[in-house]
Full PDB file with SEQRES, HELIX, SHEET, SSBOND, CRYST1, ORIGX, SCALE, CONECT and MASTER records, all heavy atoms in Angstrom:
SEQRES   1 A   37  LYS LYS LYS ARG CYS CYS ASP LEU GLU ASP ASN ALA GLU          
SEQRES   2 A   37  SER GLY LEU GLU LYS ILE ILE LEU VAL GLY ASN PRO ASN          
SEQRES   3 A   37  VAL GLY LYS SER VAL ILE PHE ASN HIS PHE SER                  
HELIX    1 AA1 LEU A    8  ASP A   10  5                                   3    
HELIX    2 AA2 LYS A   29  PHE A   36  1                                   8    
CRYST1    1.000    1.000    1.000  90.00  90.00  90.00 P 1           1          
ORIGX1      1.000000  0.000000  0.000000        0.00000                         
ORIGX2      0.000000  1.000000  0.000000        0.00000                         
ORIGX3      0.000000  0.000000  1.000000        0.00000                         
SCALE1      1.000000  0.000000  0.000000        0.00000                         
SCALE2      0.000000  1.000000  0.000000        0.00000                         
SCALE3      0.000000  0.000000  1.000000        0.00000                         
ATOM      1  N   LYS A   1       0.856  -1.188   0.028  1.00  0.00           N  
ATOM      2  CA  LYS A   1       0.064   0.010   0.001  1.00  0.00           C  
ATOM      3  C   LYS A   1       0.892   1.246   0.075  1.00  0.00           C  
ATOM      4  O   LYS A   1       1.825   1.287   0.787  1.00  0.00           O  
ATOM      5  CB  LYS A   1      -0.886   0.034   1.219  1.00  0.00           C  
ATOM      6  CG  LYS A   1      -1.751  -1.218   1.325  1.00  0.00           C  
ATOM      7  CD  LYS A   1      -2.814  -1.273   0.300  1.00  0.00           C  
ATOM      8  CE  LYS A   1      -3.597  -2.516   0.312  1.00  0.00           C  
ATOM      9  NZ  LYS A   1      -4.479  -2.731  -0.806  1.00  0.00           N  
ATOM     10  N   LYS A   2       0.516   2.277  -0.883  1.00  0.00           N  
ATOM     11  CA  LYS A   2       1.130   3.476  -0.802  1.00  0.00           C  
ATOM     12  C   LYS A   2       0.499   4.276   0.280  1.00  0.00           C  
ATOM     13  O   LYS A   2      -0.637   4.541   0.381  1.00  0.00           O  
ATOM     14  CB  LYS A   2       0.963   4.269  -2.101  1.00  0.00           C  
ATOM     15  CG  LYS A   2       1.615   3.621  -3.298  1.00  0.00           C  
ATOM     16  CD  LYS A   2       1.334   4.419  -4.495  1.00  0.00           C  
ATOM     17  CE  LYS A   2       1.991   3.748  -5.653  1.00  0.00           C  
ATOM     18  NZ  LYS A   2       1.764   4.296  -6.971  1.00  0.00           N  
ATOM     19  N   LYS A   3       1.311   4.738   1.275  1.00  0.00           N  
ATOM     20  CA  LYS A   3       0.796   5.496   2.417  1.00  0.00           C  
ATOM     21  C   LYS A   3       1.455   6.845   2.672  1.00  0.00           C  
ATOM     22  O   LYS A   3       2.440   7.049   2.327  1.00  0.00           O  
ATOM     23  CB  LYS A   3       0.909   4.584   3.793  1.00  0.00           C  
ATOM     24  CG  LYS A   3       0.128   3.359   3.704  1.00  0.00           C  
ATOM     25  CD  LYS A   3       0.310   2.541   4.962  1.00  0.00           C  
ATOM     26  CE  LYS A   3      -0.189   1.224   4.956  1.00  0.00           C  
ATOM     27  NZ  LYS A   3      -1.830   1.288   5.184  1.00  0.00           N  
ATOM     28  N   ARG A   4       0.657   7.800   3.216  1.00  0.00           N  
ATOM     29  CA  ARG A   4       1.203   9.048   3.574  1.00  0.00           C  
ATOM     30  C   ARG A   4       0.581   9.424   4.822  1.00  0.00           C  
ATOM     31  O   ARG A   4      -0.417   8.994   5.282  1.00  0.00           O  
ATOM     32  CB  ARG A   4       1.053  10.054   2.512  1.00  0.00           C  
ATOM     33  CG  ARG A   4      -0.415  10.526   2.234  1.00  0.00           C  
ATOM     34  CD  ARG A   4      -0.480  11.421   1.045  1.00  0.00           C  
ATOM     35  NE  ARG A   4      -1.754  11.859   0.831  1.00  0.00           N  
ATOM     36  CZ  ARG A   4      -2.465  12.754   1.416  1.00  0.00           C  
ATOM     37  NH1 ARG A   4      -1.894  13.566   2.334  1.00  0.00           N  
ATOM     38  NH2 ARG A   4      -3.744  13.169   1.109  1.00  0.00           N  
ATOM     39  N   CYS A   5       1.193  10.496   5.562  1.00  0.00           N  
ATOM     40  CA  CYS A   5       0.680  10.951   6.805  1.00  0.00           C  
ATOM     41  C   CYS A   5       0.108  12.342   6.568  1.00  0.00           C  
ATOM     42  O   CYS A   5       0.702  13.149   5.886  1.00  0.00           O  
ATOM     43  CB  CYS A   5       1.749  11.036   7.894  1.00  0.00           C  
ATOM     44  SG  CYS A   5       2.428   9.291   8.269  1.00  0.00           S  
ATOM     45  N   CYS A   6      -1.007  12.598   7.200  1.00  0.00           N  
ATOM     46  CA  CYS A   6      -1.676  13.870   7.139  1.00  0.00           C  
ATOM     47  C   CYS A   6      -2.660  14.026   8.157  1.00  0.00           C  
ATOM     48  O   CYS A   6      -2.902  13.068   8.998  1.00  0.00           O  
ATOM     49  CB  CYS A   6      -2.256  14.050   5.705  1.00  0.00           C  
ATOM     50  SG  CYS A   6      -3.746  12.967   5.540  1.00  0.00           S  
ATOM     51  N   ASP A   7      -3.251  15.138   8.315  1.00  0.00           N  
ATOM     52  CA  ASP A   7      -4.328  15.323   9.366  1.00  0.00           C  
ATOM     53  C   ASP A   7      -5.688  14.961   8.652  1.00  0.00           C  
ATOM     54  O   ASP A   7      -5.860  15.294   7.503  1.00  0.00           O  
ATOM     55  CB  ASP A   7      -4.457  16.894   9.806  1.00  0.00           C  
ATOM     56  CG  ASP A   7      -3.259  17.053  10.790  1.00  0.00           C  
ATOM     57  OD1 ASP A   7      -2.733  16.099  11.382  1.00  0.00           O  
ATOM     58  OD2 ASP A   7      -2.732  18.227  10.784  1.00  0.00           O  
ATOM     59  N   LEU A   8      -6.526  14.301   9.387  1.00  0.00           N  
ATOM     60  CA  LEU A   8      -7.719  13.887   8.806  1.00  0.00           C  
ATOM     61  C   LEU A   8      -8.586  15.000   8.345  1.00  0.00           C  
ATOM     62  O   LEU A   8      -9.196  14.802   7.291  1.00  0.00           O  
ATOM     63  CB  LEU A   8      -8.534  13.057   9.917  1.00  0.00           C  
ATOM     64  CG  LEU A   8      -9.751  12.141   9.301  1.00  0.00           C  
ATOM     65  CD1 LEU A   8      -9.195  11.098   8.417  1.00  0.00           C  
ATOM     66  CD2 LEU A   8     -10.469  11.564  10.386  1.00  0.00           C  
ATOM     67  N   GLU A   9      -8.465  16.098   8.951  1.00  0.00           N  
ATOM     68  CA  GLU A   9      -9.356  17.267   8.526  1.00  0.00           C  
ATOM     69  C   GLU A   9      -8.867  17.872   7.200  1.00  0.00           C  
ATOM     70  O   GLU A   9      -9.589  18.504   6.606  1.00  0.00           O  
ATOM     71  CB  GLU A   9      -9.419  18.346   9.585  1.00  0.00           C  
ATOM     72  CG  GLU A   9      -8.064  18.904  10.016  1.00  0.00           C  
ATOM     73  CD  GLU A   9      -7.654  18.561  11.274  1.00  0.00           C  
ATOM     74  OE1 GLU A   9      -8.065  17.483  11.735  1.00  0.00           O  
ATOM     75  OE2 GLU A   9      -6.881  19.246  11.960  1.00  0.00           O  
ATOM     76  N   ASP A  10      -7.583  17.493   6.915  1.00  0.00           N  
ATOM     77  CA  ASP A  10      -7.001  18.026   5.562  1.00  0.00           C  
ATOM     78  C   ASP A  10      -7.477  17.186   4.409  1.00  0.00           C  
ATOM     79  O   ASP A  10      -7.365  17.538   3.225  1.00  0.00           O  
ATOM     80  CB  ASP A  10      -5.573  18.147   5.660  1.00  0.00           C  
ATOM     81  CG  ASP A  10      -4.934  19.124   6.650  1.00  0.00           C  
ATOM     82  OD1 ASP A  10      -5.765  19.974   6.913  1.00  0.00           O  
ATOM     83  OD2 ASP A  10      -3.866  18.840   7.083  1.00  0.00           O  
ATOM     84  N   ASN A  11      -8.087  15.952   4.627  1.00  0.00           N  
ATOM     85  CA  ASN A  11      -8.443  15.104   3.611  1.00  0.00           C  
ATOM     86  C   ASN A  11      -9.934  15.567   3.260  1.00  0.00           C  
ATOM     87  O   ASN A  11     -10.862  15.556   3.893  1.00  0.00           O  
ATOM     88  CB  ASN A  11      -8.552  13.724   4.093  1.00  0.00           C  
ATOM     89  CG  ASN A  11      -8.915  12.744   3.020  1.00  0.00           C  
ATOM     90  OD1 ASN A  11      -8.528  12.923   1.855  1.00  0.00           O  
ATOM     91  ND2 ASN A  11      -9.703  11.738   3.365  1.00  0.00           N  
ATOM     92  N   ALA A  12     -10.025  16.054   2.026  1.00  0.00           N  
ATOM     93  CA  ALA A  12     -11.250  16.527   1.511  1.00  0.00           C  
ATOM     94  C   ALA A  12     -12.329  15.332   1.486  1.00  0.00           C  
ATOM     95  O   ALA A  12     -11.982  14.284   1.182  1.00  0.00           O  
ATOM     96  CB  ALA A  12     -11.135  17.112   0.089  1.00  0.00           C  
ATOM     97  N   GLU A  13     -13.576  15.795   1.686  1.00  0.00           N  
ATOM     98  CA  GLU A  13     -14.614  14.796   1.602  1.00  0.00           C  
ATOM     99  C   GLU A  13     -14.747  14.076   0.300  1.00  0.00           C  
ATOM    100  O   GLU A  13     -14.736  14.840  -0.756  1.00  0.00           O  
ATOM    101  CB  GLU A  13     -15.989  15.435   1.956  1.00  0.00           C  
ATOM    102  CG  GLU A  13     -16.144  15.742   3.501  1.00  0.00           C  
ATOM    103  CD  GLU A  13     -16.183  14.554   4.379  1.00  0.00           C  
ATOM    104  OE1 GLU A  13     -16.699  13.394   3.827  1.00  0.00           O  
ATOM    105  OE2 GLU A  13     -15.698  14.549   5.392  1.00  0.00           O  
ATOM    106  N   SER A  14     -14.618  12.819   0.234  1.00  0.00           N  
ATOM    107  CA  SER A  14     -14.602  12.017  -0.993  1.00  0.00           C  
ATOM    108  C   SER A  14     -15.993  12.004  -1.639  1.00  0.00           C  
ATOM    109  O   SER A  14     -16.093  11.796  -2.843  1.00  0.00           O  
ATOM    110  CB  SER A  14     -14.088  10.607  -0.809  1.00  0.00           C  
ATOM    111  OG  SER A  14     -15.001   9.925   0.101  1.00  0.00           O  
ATOM    112  N   GLY A  15     -16.990  12.196  -0.861  1.00  0.00           N  
ATOM    113  CA  GLY A  15     -18.365  11.998  -1.437  1.00  0.00           C  
ATOM    114  C   GLY A  15     -18.774  10.558  -1.635  1.00  0.00           C  
ATOM    115  O   GLY A  15     -19.839  10.285  -2.165  1.00  0.00           O  
ATOM    116  N   LEU A  16     -17.905   9.622  -1.260  1.00  0.00           N  
ATOM    117  CA  LEU A  16     -18.279   8.177  -1.393  1.00  0.00           C  
ATOM    118  C   LEU A  16     -18.923   7.643  -0.118  1.00  0.00           C  
ATOM    119  O   LEU A  16     -18.710   8.217   1.095  1.00  0.00           O  
ATOM    120  CB  LEU A  16     -16.980   7.441  -1.543  1.00  0.00           C  
ATOM    121  CG  LEU A  16     -16.122   7.824  -2.896  1.00  0.00           C  
ATOM    122  CD1 LEU A  16     -14.878   6.950  -2.940  1.00  0.00           C  
ATOM    123  CD2 LEU A  16     -16.921   7.507  -4.096  1.00  0.00           C  
ATOM    124  N   GLU A  17     -19.634   6.671  -0.212  1.00  0.00           N  
ATOM    125  CA  GLU A  17     -20.262   6.002   0.964  1.00  0.00           C  
ATOM    126  C   GLU A  17     -19.191   5.268   1.615  1.00  0.00           C  
ATOM    127  O   GLU A  17     -18.179   4.688   1.007  1.00  0.00           O  
ATOM    128  CB  GLU A  17     -21.383   5.057   0.527  1.00  0.00           C  
ATOM    129  CG  GLU A  17     -22.657   5.733  -0.076  1.00  0.00           C  
ATOM    130  CD  GLU A  17     -23.841   4.701  -0.156  1.00  0.00           C  
ATOM    131  OE1 GLU A  17     -23.569   3.870  -1.070  1.00  0.00           O  
ATOM    132  OE2 GLU A  17     -24.762   4.907   0.450  1.00  0.00           O  
ATOM    133  N   LYS A  18     -19.214   5.273   2.989  1.00  0.00           N  
ATOM    134  CA  LYS A  18     -18.174   4.741   3.744  1.00  0.00           C  
ATOM    135  C   LYS A  18     -18.520   3.316   4.242  1.00  0.00           C  
ATOM    136  O   LYS A  18     -19.570   2.961   4.627  1.00  0.00           O  
ATOM    137  CB  LYS A  18     -17.853   5.581   4.998  1.00  0.00           C  
ATOM    138  CG  LYS A  18     -17.353   7.012   4.586  1.00  0.00           C  
ATOM    139  CD  LYS A  18     -17.216   7.815   5.919  1.00  0.00           C  
ATOM    140  CE  LYS A  18     -16.671   9.150   5.594  1.00  0.00           C  
ATOM    141  NZ  LYS A  18     -17.620  10.038   4.898  1.00  0.00           N  
ATOM    142  N   ILE A  19     -17.503   2.561   4.335  1.00  0.00           N  
ATOM    143  CA  ILE A  19     -17.449   1.150   4.964  1.00  0.00           C  
ATOM    144  C   ILE A  19     -16.419   1.207   6.066  1.00  0.00           C  
ATOM    145  O   ILE A  19     -15.239   1.477   5.977  1.00  0.00           O  
ATOM    146  CB  ILE A  19     -17.119   0.021   4.012  1.00  0.00           C  
ATOM    147  CG1 ILE A  19     -18.128  -0.049   2.934  1.00  0.00           C  
ATOM    148  CG2 ILE A  19     -16.964  -1.348   4.816  1.00  0.00           C  
ATOM    149  CD1 ILE A  19     -17.772  -1.111   1.867  1.00  0.00           C  
ATOM    150  N   ILE A  20     -16.896   1.153   7.302  1.00  0.00           N  
ATOM    151  CA  ILE A  20     -16.024   1.382   8.559  1.00  0.00           C  
ATOM    152  C   ILE A  20     -15.890  -0.060   9.216  1.00  0.00           C  
ATOM    153  O   ILE A  20     -16.799  -0.700   9.573  1.00  0.00           O  
ATOM    154  CB  ILE A  20     -16.632   2.373   9.528  1.00  0.00           C  
ATOM    155  CG1 ILE A  20     -16.827   3.675   8.868  1.00  0.00           C  
ATOM    156  CG2 ILE A  20     -15.707   2.559  10.750  1.00  0.00           C  
ATOM    157  CD1 ILE A  20     -17.412   4.762   9.749  1.00  0.00           C  
ATOM    158  N   LEU A  21     -14.591  -0.274   9.435  1.00  0.00           N  
ATOM    159  CA  LEU A  21     -14.203  -1.582  10.086  1.00  0.00           C  
ATOM    160  C   LEU A  21     -14.029  -1.330  11.607  1.00  0.00           C  
ATOM    161  O   LEU A  21     -13.321  -0.421  11.990  1.00  0.00           O  
ATOM    162  CB  LEU A  21     -12.924  -2.243   9.677  1.00  0.00           C  
ATOM    163  CG  LEU A  21     -12.996  -2.835   8.265  1.00  0.00           C  
ATOM    164  CD1 LEU A  21     -12.931  -1.925   7.167  1.00  0.00           C  
ATOM    165  CD2 LEU A  21     -12.087  -4.058   8.111  1.00  0.00           C  
ATOM    166  N   VAL A  22     -14.724  -2.047  12.413  1.00  0.00           N  
ATOM    167  CA  VAL A  22     -14.517  -1.926  13.981  1.00  0.00           C  
ATOM    168  C   VAL A  22     -14.329  -3.391  14.431  1.00  0.00           C  
ATOM    169  O   VAL A  22     -14.646  -4.317  13.918  1.00  0.00           O  
ATOM    170  CB  VAL A  22     -15.841  -1.277  14.471  1.00  0.00           C  
ATOM    171  CG1 VAL A  22     -16.110   0.124  14.117  1.00  0.00           C  
ATOM    172  CG2 VAL A  22     -17.055  -2.129  14.290  1.00  0.00           C  
ATOM    173  N   GLY A  23     -13.720  -3.352  15.700  1.00  0.00           N  
ATOM    174  CA  GLY A  23     -13.483  -4.672  16.357  1.00  0.00           C  
ATOM    175  C   GLY A  23     -12.334  -4.516  17.319  1.00  0.00           C  
ATOM    176  O   GLY A  23     -11.745  -3.493  17.399  1.00  0.00           O  
ATOM    177  N   ASN A  24     -12.220  -5.627  18.092  1.00  0.00           N  
ATOM    178  CA  ASN A  24     -11.122  -5.767  18.997  1.00  0.00           C  
ATOM    179  C   ASN A  24      -9.608  -5.693  18.205  1.00  0.00           C  
ATOM    180  O   ASN A  24      -9.692  -5.959  17.110  1.00  0.00           O  
ATOM    181  CB  ASN A  24     -11.102  -7.075  19.778  1.00  0.00           C  
ATOM    182  CG  ASN A  24     -12.265  -7.099  20.792  1.00  0.00           C  
ATOM    183  OD1 ASN A  24     -13.302  -6.416  20.611  1.00  0.00           O  
ATOM    184  ND2 ASN A  24     -12.221  -7.907  21.760  1.00  0.00           N  
ATOM    185  N   PRO A  25      -8.637  -5.325  18.954  1.00  0.00           N  
ATOM    186  CA  PRO A  25      -7.311  -5.565  18.376  1.00  0.00           C  
ATOM    187  C   PRO A  25      -7.017  -7.053  17.923  1.00  0.00           C  
ATOM    188  O   PRO A  25      -7.582  -7.928  18.593  1.00  0.00           O  
ATOM    189  CB  PRO A  25      -6.340  -5.027  19.310  1.00  0.00           C  
ATOM    190  CG  PRO A  25      -7.158  -4.330  20.415  1.00  0.00           C  
ATOM    191  CD  PRO A  25      -8.624  -4.946  20.325  1.00  0.00           C  
ATOM    192  N   ASN A  26      -6.237  -7.286  17.047  1.00  0.00           N  
ATOM    193  CA  ASN A  26      -5.806  -8.614  16.581  1.00  0.00           C  
ATOM    194  C   ASN A  26      -6.826  -9.548  16.283  1.00  0.00           C  
ATOM    195  O   ASN A  26      -6.854 -10.712  16.494  1.00  0.00           O  
ATOM    196  CB  ASN A  26      -4.918  -9.237  17.762  1.00  0.00           C  
ATOM    197  CG  ASN A  26      -3.812  -8.449  18.186  1.00  0.00           C  
ATOM    198  OD1 ASN A  26      -2.968  -8.044  17.473  1.00  0.00           O  
ATOM    199  ND2 ASN A  26      -3.737  -8.130  19.515  1.00  0.00           N  
ATOM    200  N   VAL A  27      -7.846  -9.123  15.484  1.00  0.00           N  
ATOM    201  CA  VAL A  27      -8.827  -9.968  14.868  1.00  0.00           C  
ATOM    202  C   VAL A  27      -8.800 -10.048  13.420  1.00  0.00           C  
ATOM    203  O   VAL A  27      -9.801 -10.566  12.704  1.00  0.00           O  
ATOM    204  CB  VAL A  27     -10.269  -9.417  15.384  1.00  0.00           C  
ATOM    205  CG1 VAL A  27     -10.433  -9.637  16.854  1.00  0.00           C  
ATOM    206  CG2 VAL A  27     -10.568  -8.002  14.939  1.00  0.00           C  
ATOM    207  N   GLY A  28      -7.887  -9.263  12.740  1.00  0.00           N  
ATOM    208  CA  GLY A  28      -7.675  -9.429  11.296  1.00  0.00           C  
ATOM    209  C   GLY A  28      -8.420  -8.154  10.586  1.00  0.00           C  
ATOM    210  O   GLY A  28      -8.532  -8.259   9.352  1.00  0.00           O  
ATOM    211  N   LYS A  29      -8.703  -7.061  11.242  1.00  0.00           N  
ATOM    212  CA  LYS A  29      -9.294  -5.980  10.607  1.00  0.00           C  
ATOM    213  C   LYS A  29      -8.431  -5.343   9.501  1.00  0.00           C  
ATOM    214  O   LYS A  29      -8.764  -4.941   8.313  1.00  0.00           O  
ATOM    215  CB  LYS A  29      -9.614  -4.819  11.443  1.00  0.00           C  
ATOM    216  CG  LYS A  29     -10.728  -5.085  12.447  1.00  0.00           C  
ATOM    217  CD  LYS A  29     -11.238  -3.879  13.303  1.00  0.00           C  
ATOM    218  CE  LYS A  29     -10.212  -3.399  14.299  1.00  0.00           C  
ATOM    219  NZ  LYS A  29      -9.328  -2.382  13.972  1.00  0.00           N  
ATOM    220  N   SER A  30      -7.186  -5.342   9.780  1.00  0.00           N  
ATOM    221  CA  SER A  30      -6.147  -4.673   8.792  1.00  0.00           C  
ATOM    222  C   SER A  30      -6.118  -5.512   7.568  1.00  0.00           C  
ATOM    223  O   SER A  30      -5.889  -5.049   6.422  1.00  0.00           O  
ATOM    224  CB  SER A  30      -4.757  -4.483   9.476  1.00  0.00           C  
ATOM    225  OG  SER A  30      -4.869  -3.657  10.543  1.00  0.00           O  
ATOM    226  N   VAL A  31      -6.101  -6.838   7.655  1.00  0.00           N  
ATOM    227  CA  VAL A  31      -6.072  -7.759   6.551  1.00  0.00           C  
ATOM    228  C   VAL A  31      -7.217  -7.467   5.704  1.00  0.00           C  
ATOM    229  O   VAL A  31      -7.146  -7.422   4.403  1.00  0.00           O  
ATOM    230  CB  VAL A  31      -5.991  -9.115   6.859  1.00  0.00           C  
ATOM    231  CG1 VAL A  31      -5.982 -10.143   5.857  1.00  0.00           C  
ATOM    232  CG2 VAL A  31      -4.743  -9.521   7.721  1.00  0.00           C  
ATOM    233  N   ILE A  32      -8.436  -7.360   6.259  1.00  0.00           N  
ATOM    234  CA  ILE A  32      -9.591  -7.077   5.417  1.00  0.00           C  
ATOM    235  C   ILE A  32      -9.538  -5.649   4.794  1.00  0.00           C  
ATOM    236  O   ILE A  32      -9.923  -5.497   3.687  1.00  0.00           O  
ATOM    237  CB  ILE A  32     -10.969  -7.262   6.381  1.00  0.00           C  
ATOM    238  CG1 ILE A  32     -11.001  -8.756   6.700  1.00  0.00           C  
ATOM    239  CG2 ILE A  32     -12.113  -6.786   5.644  1.00  0.00           C  
ATOM    240  CD1 ILE A  32     -12.087  -8.999   7.834  1.00  0.00           C  
ATOM    241  N   PHE A  33      -9.095  -4.717   5.564  1.00  0.00           N  
ATOM    242  CA  PHE A  33      -8.951  -3.366   5.025  1.00  0.00           C  
ATOM    243  C   PHE A  33      -8.001  -3.403   3.825  1.00  0.00           C  
ATOM    244  O   PHE A  33      -8.273  -2.801   2.772  1.00  0.00           O  
ATOM    245  CB  PHE A  33      -8.258  -2.544   6.080  1.00  0.00           C  
ATOM    246  CG  PHE A  33      -7.869  -1.107   5.582  1.00  0.00           C  
ATOM    247  CD1 PHE A  33      -8.863  -0.146   5.430  1.00  0.00           C  
ATOM    248  CD2 PHE A  33      -6.700  -0.879   5.312  1.00  0.00           C  
ATOM    249  CE1 PHE A  33      -8.531   1.138   4.947  1.00  0.00           C  
ATOM    250  CE2 PHE A  33      -6.183   0.394   4.760  1.00  0.00           C  
ATOM    251  CZ  PHE A  33      -7.164   1.329   4.706  1.00  0.00           C  
ATOM    252  N   ASN A  34      -6.846  -4.198   3.853  1.00  0.00           N  
ATOM    253  CA  ASN A  34      -5.957  -4.191   2.787  1.00  0.00           C  
ATOM    254  C   ASN A  34      -6.533  -4.888   1.571  1.00  0.00           C  
ATOM    255  O   ASN A  34      -6.279  -4.540   0.402  1.00  0.00           O  
ATOM    256  CB  ASN A  34      -4.677  -4.951   3.182  1.00  0.00           C  
ATOM    257  CG  ASN A  34      -3.787  -4.092   4.118  1.00  0.00           C  
ATOM    258  OD1 ASN A  34      -3.791  -2.981   4.090  1.00  0.00           O  
ATOM    259  ND2 ASN A  34      -3.083  -4.795   5.038  1.00  0.00           N  
ATOM    260  N   HIS A  35      -7.430  -5.859   1.787  1.00  0.00           N  
ATOM    261  CA  HIS A  35      -8.153  -6.519   0.793  1.00  0.00           C  
ATOM    262  C   HIS A  35      -9.153  -5.653  -0.040  1.00  0.00           C  
ATOM    263  O   HIS A  35      -9.165  -5.643  -1.238  1.00  0.00           O  
ATOM    264  CB  HIS A  35      -8.996  -7.806   1.358  1.00  0.00           C  
ATOM    265  CG  HIS A  35      -9.746  -8.420   0.341  1.00  0.00           C  
ATOM    266  ND1 HIS A  35      -9.306  -9.300  -0.584  1.00  0.00           N  
ATOM    267  CD2 HIS A  35     -11.125  -8.299   0.067  1.00  0.00           C  
ATOM    268  CE1 HIS A  35     -10.267  -9.761  -1.364  1.00  0.00           C  
ATOM    269  NE2 HIS A  35     -11.362  -9.156  -0.980  1.00  0.00           N  
ATOM    270  N   PHE A  36      -9.808  -4.815   0.793  1.00  0.00           N  
ATOM    271  CA  PHE A  36     -10.823  -4.058   0.163  1.00  0.00           C  
ATOM    272  C   PHE A  36     -10.301  -2.687  -0.449  1.00  0.00           C  
ATOM    273  O   PHE A  36     -10.742  -2.160  -1.404  1.00  0.00           O  
ATOM    274  CB  PHE A  36     -11.940  -3.600   1.100  1.00  0.00           C  
ATOM    275  CG  PHE A  36     -12.926  -4.813   1.281  1.00  0.00           C  
ATOM    276  CD1 PHE A  36     -13.216  -5.240   2.624  1.00  0.00           C  
ATOM    277  CD2 PHE A  36     -13.482  -5.394   0.285  1.00  0.00           C  
ATOM    278  CE1 PHE A  36     -14.087  -6.273   2.794  1.00  0.00           C  
ATOM    279  CE2 PHE A  36     -14.386  -6.528   0.393  1.00  0.00           C  
ATOM    280  CZ  PHE A  36     -14.679  -6.952   1.648  1.00  0.00           C  
ATOM    281  N   SER A  37      -9.333  -2.068   0.187  1.00  0.00           N  
ATOM    282  CA  SER A  37      -8.795  -0.833  -0.208  1.00  0.00           C  
ATOM    283  C   SER A  37      -7.884  -0.929  -1.393  1.00  0.00           C  
ATOM    284  O   SER A  37      -7.116  -1.997  -1.573  1.00  0.00           O  
ATOM    285  CB  SER A  37      -8.087  -0.015   1.001  1.00  0.00           C  
ATOM    286  OG  SER A  37      -7.032  -0.786   1.409  1.00  0.00           O  
TER     287      SER A  37                                                      
MASTER        0    0    0    2    0    0    0    6  286    1    0    3          
END                                                                             
């Protein structure tokens, strides 16, 4: 993944519908995030 650091408020609204991953640590959220993004 290409990543960069910034402040969230600097990221303009994409206008896209959001899919938000929630859950305990160490349950594989990041793997699913990498799959979808």
